[in-house]
Amino acid sequence: MVTLLAAPAEPLTNAGDTQLVLAALLGIAAVVLLIAWGKVHPFLSLILGAAVLGVVAAVPVDKIVTSFSGGVGSTVGGVGLLIALGAMIGGLLAESGGADGIVERVVGRVSGTALPWAMAGVAALIGLPLFFEVGVVLLVPIVLLVSLRVNVPLIKIGIPALAGLSVLHGLVPPHPGPLVAIDALGANLGQTLALGLLVAIPTVIIAGPVFGNFIARYVPATAPAELLPTRRDTAEDRSPTRPGDGRADADGDLVTEDDLLNPGTGRPGAAIEEPAGRRSRRSPALWAAVVTVLLPVVLMLLRAIGELTLAEDTPGRKALDIVGTPIIALLAGVIFAMIFLGYRSGFSRTQVSGFLGGSLPPIAGILLIVAAGGGFKQVLVDAGVGDMVANAADGANLSPLLLGWLVAVGIRVATGSATVATITAAGIVAPLADTLAAPEVALLALAIGCGSLFFSHVNDAGFWLVKEYFGLTVGQTIKSWSVMETIISVVGFLGVLLLDVFI
């Protein structure tokens, strides 16, 4: 992976430690207040927070701009491509019905006490390539239906599903949070992936089925009728778009589904399908959906195994280094999904292209926040804050794992953003990574990821997403969702500490 800019040989300022501490606190406080109180978008908040940090640290304005821009560019180069490819895989899984097939097949074969465990497993599998919000949108309708069909308390199977999604979102690449931490710390992606899976399994079990069985007795909830899923008609089942239908964009032009799925034809209202007529469609095979999810993961794991077992110059090691490169692994997953979830399932080339293109706009905000967070982190590093913290931690004999977790916890609780928490914590402890062995750097990335999940509450969009989908009150959401997130953070961090003993 492309790593973020290293700290300069000489800091950009001669400020003392006290001034640097004040600059870091005020910069982070500016981000927190702008997001939590001012309701300013995190992208702008991070830009303004970086400016506050640099000015208070007496960094020249032109160097603040240069440092921030460099951090943005290197972050997008290292993380942006992976986020986009992961979103494409998720889009194809969602639109083809492959994700639904995995869920329905597994759930259809289990019942009773095994159902919460099955939901946790399905959520973890689905959660590998999907963003948390996408996974919630895909899984919650299934959870609602299952709850009604088998007369199981909604929270009893809902919490395991949410735990599976959340743990994968915070600990396992190619999700944005882990990728940002890996990129900022220079961790090995394959090692982080393997260790993350080891931490994720017991964490999902404890925060999912175990906690779900307990809290279901205290949080009664029923599936909201208005949210029960209904099958959408496909584009070819609807009438062609008529003039006057659609919505207006910023320029006053009409934006319709035709524009998204059949761009550039120059024929308003033209059918999305080719003139030859409808194609026969079938749900993709279960194996195709499972392989789509697991292929990038397997390729990256094979590379990590090759690094541990094969000499550097052997043909096998070189081949694994190439196919296990994150961009190549995810690209392989996209191509496989295009063929087996798209074309082989009866979708036209135009539709598959539309699915891929439609998966990108929703991640634009994520990319901007991640990029701005990389810029904020780089200003922290270039001003010398990271080195100061590293020296203080070394003098106080404070564990880098504990420091990374605590910083991420504080920022997560204050801002509600796991991404901002991950980026900022990784930037602060990045200099410590230079003193650690490769496996310990991977564990540091995981410790930060665990801290970024701590106690989601009203300043987190995920809190409201869960509340509305499950028809809960604010108090019920705190008792169930917020406590579940805290369990994930603490249990996951304990798992990281345990692995640190044996590595």
Foldseek 3Di string as FASTA:
>chain_A
DQAADAADPDFQAPDDPVLLVVLLVQLLVQLLCCVPPVVHASLVSLVVSLVSSCVSLVGDPVVLVVLLVSLLVSLCVQQVLLLLLLLLLLLLCVVLVLLVVLLCVQQVVDDDLCQLVSLLVSLLLSLLSDALVSSCLVCLLVLQVVCVVRVDFSLLNVQLNSLSNLLNLLQAPPHRLLSLLCRLQVFQNLLSRVLSVVLSVVLSVCLTNVVSVVCSVVFGFHFDPVLNDDDDDDQQVDQFDDPPDADADPVRDGDDVCCLLPNDPPDHRDRSDDPVDAWDFDRFDNVLSSCLSCQLSVLLNQLVVCVVPPDCPDPVNVVSVVCNPNSNSSVVSSVSSCVRSNVVRRHDPSRSVSSSRVSPPVCPSVSSSLSSLSSSLSSSSSNPQLVSLLVVCVVVVPDLLVQLLVQLLVSCVSQVALSSSSSNSSSNPSVVSVVDDNSVSSLSSNSNSLSSQAQRADNHPVLVVVCVRRVGDRVSSSSRVRVSSNSSSVSSSVSSVVVVVVD
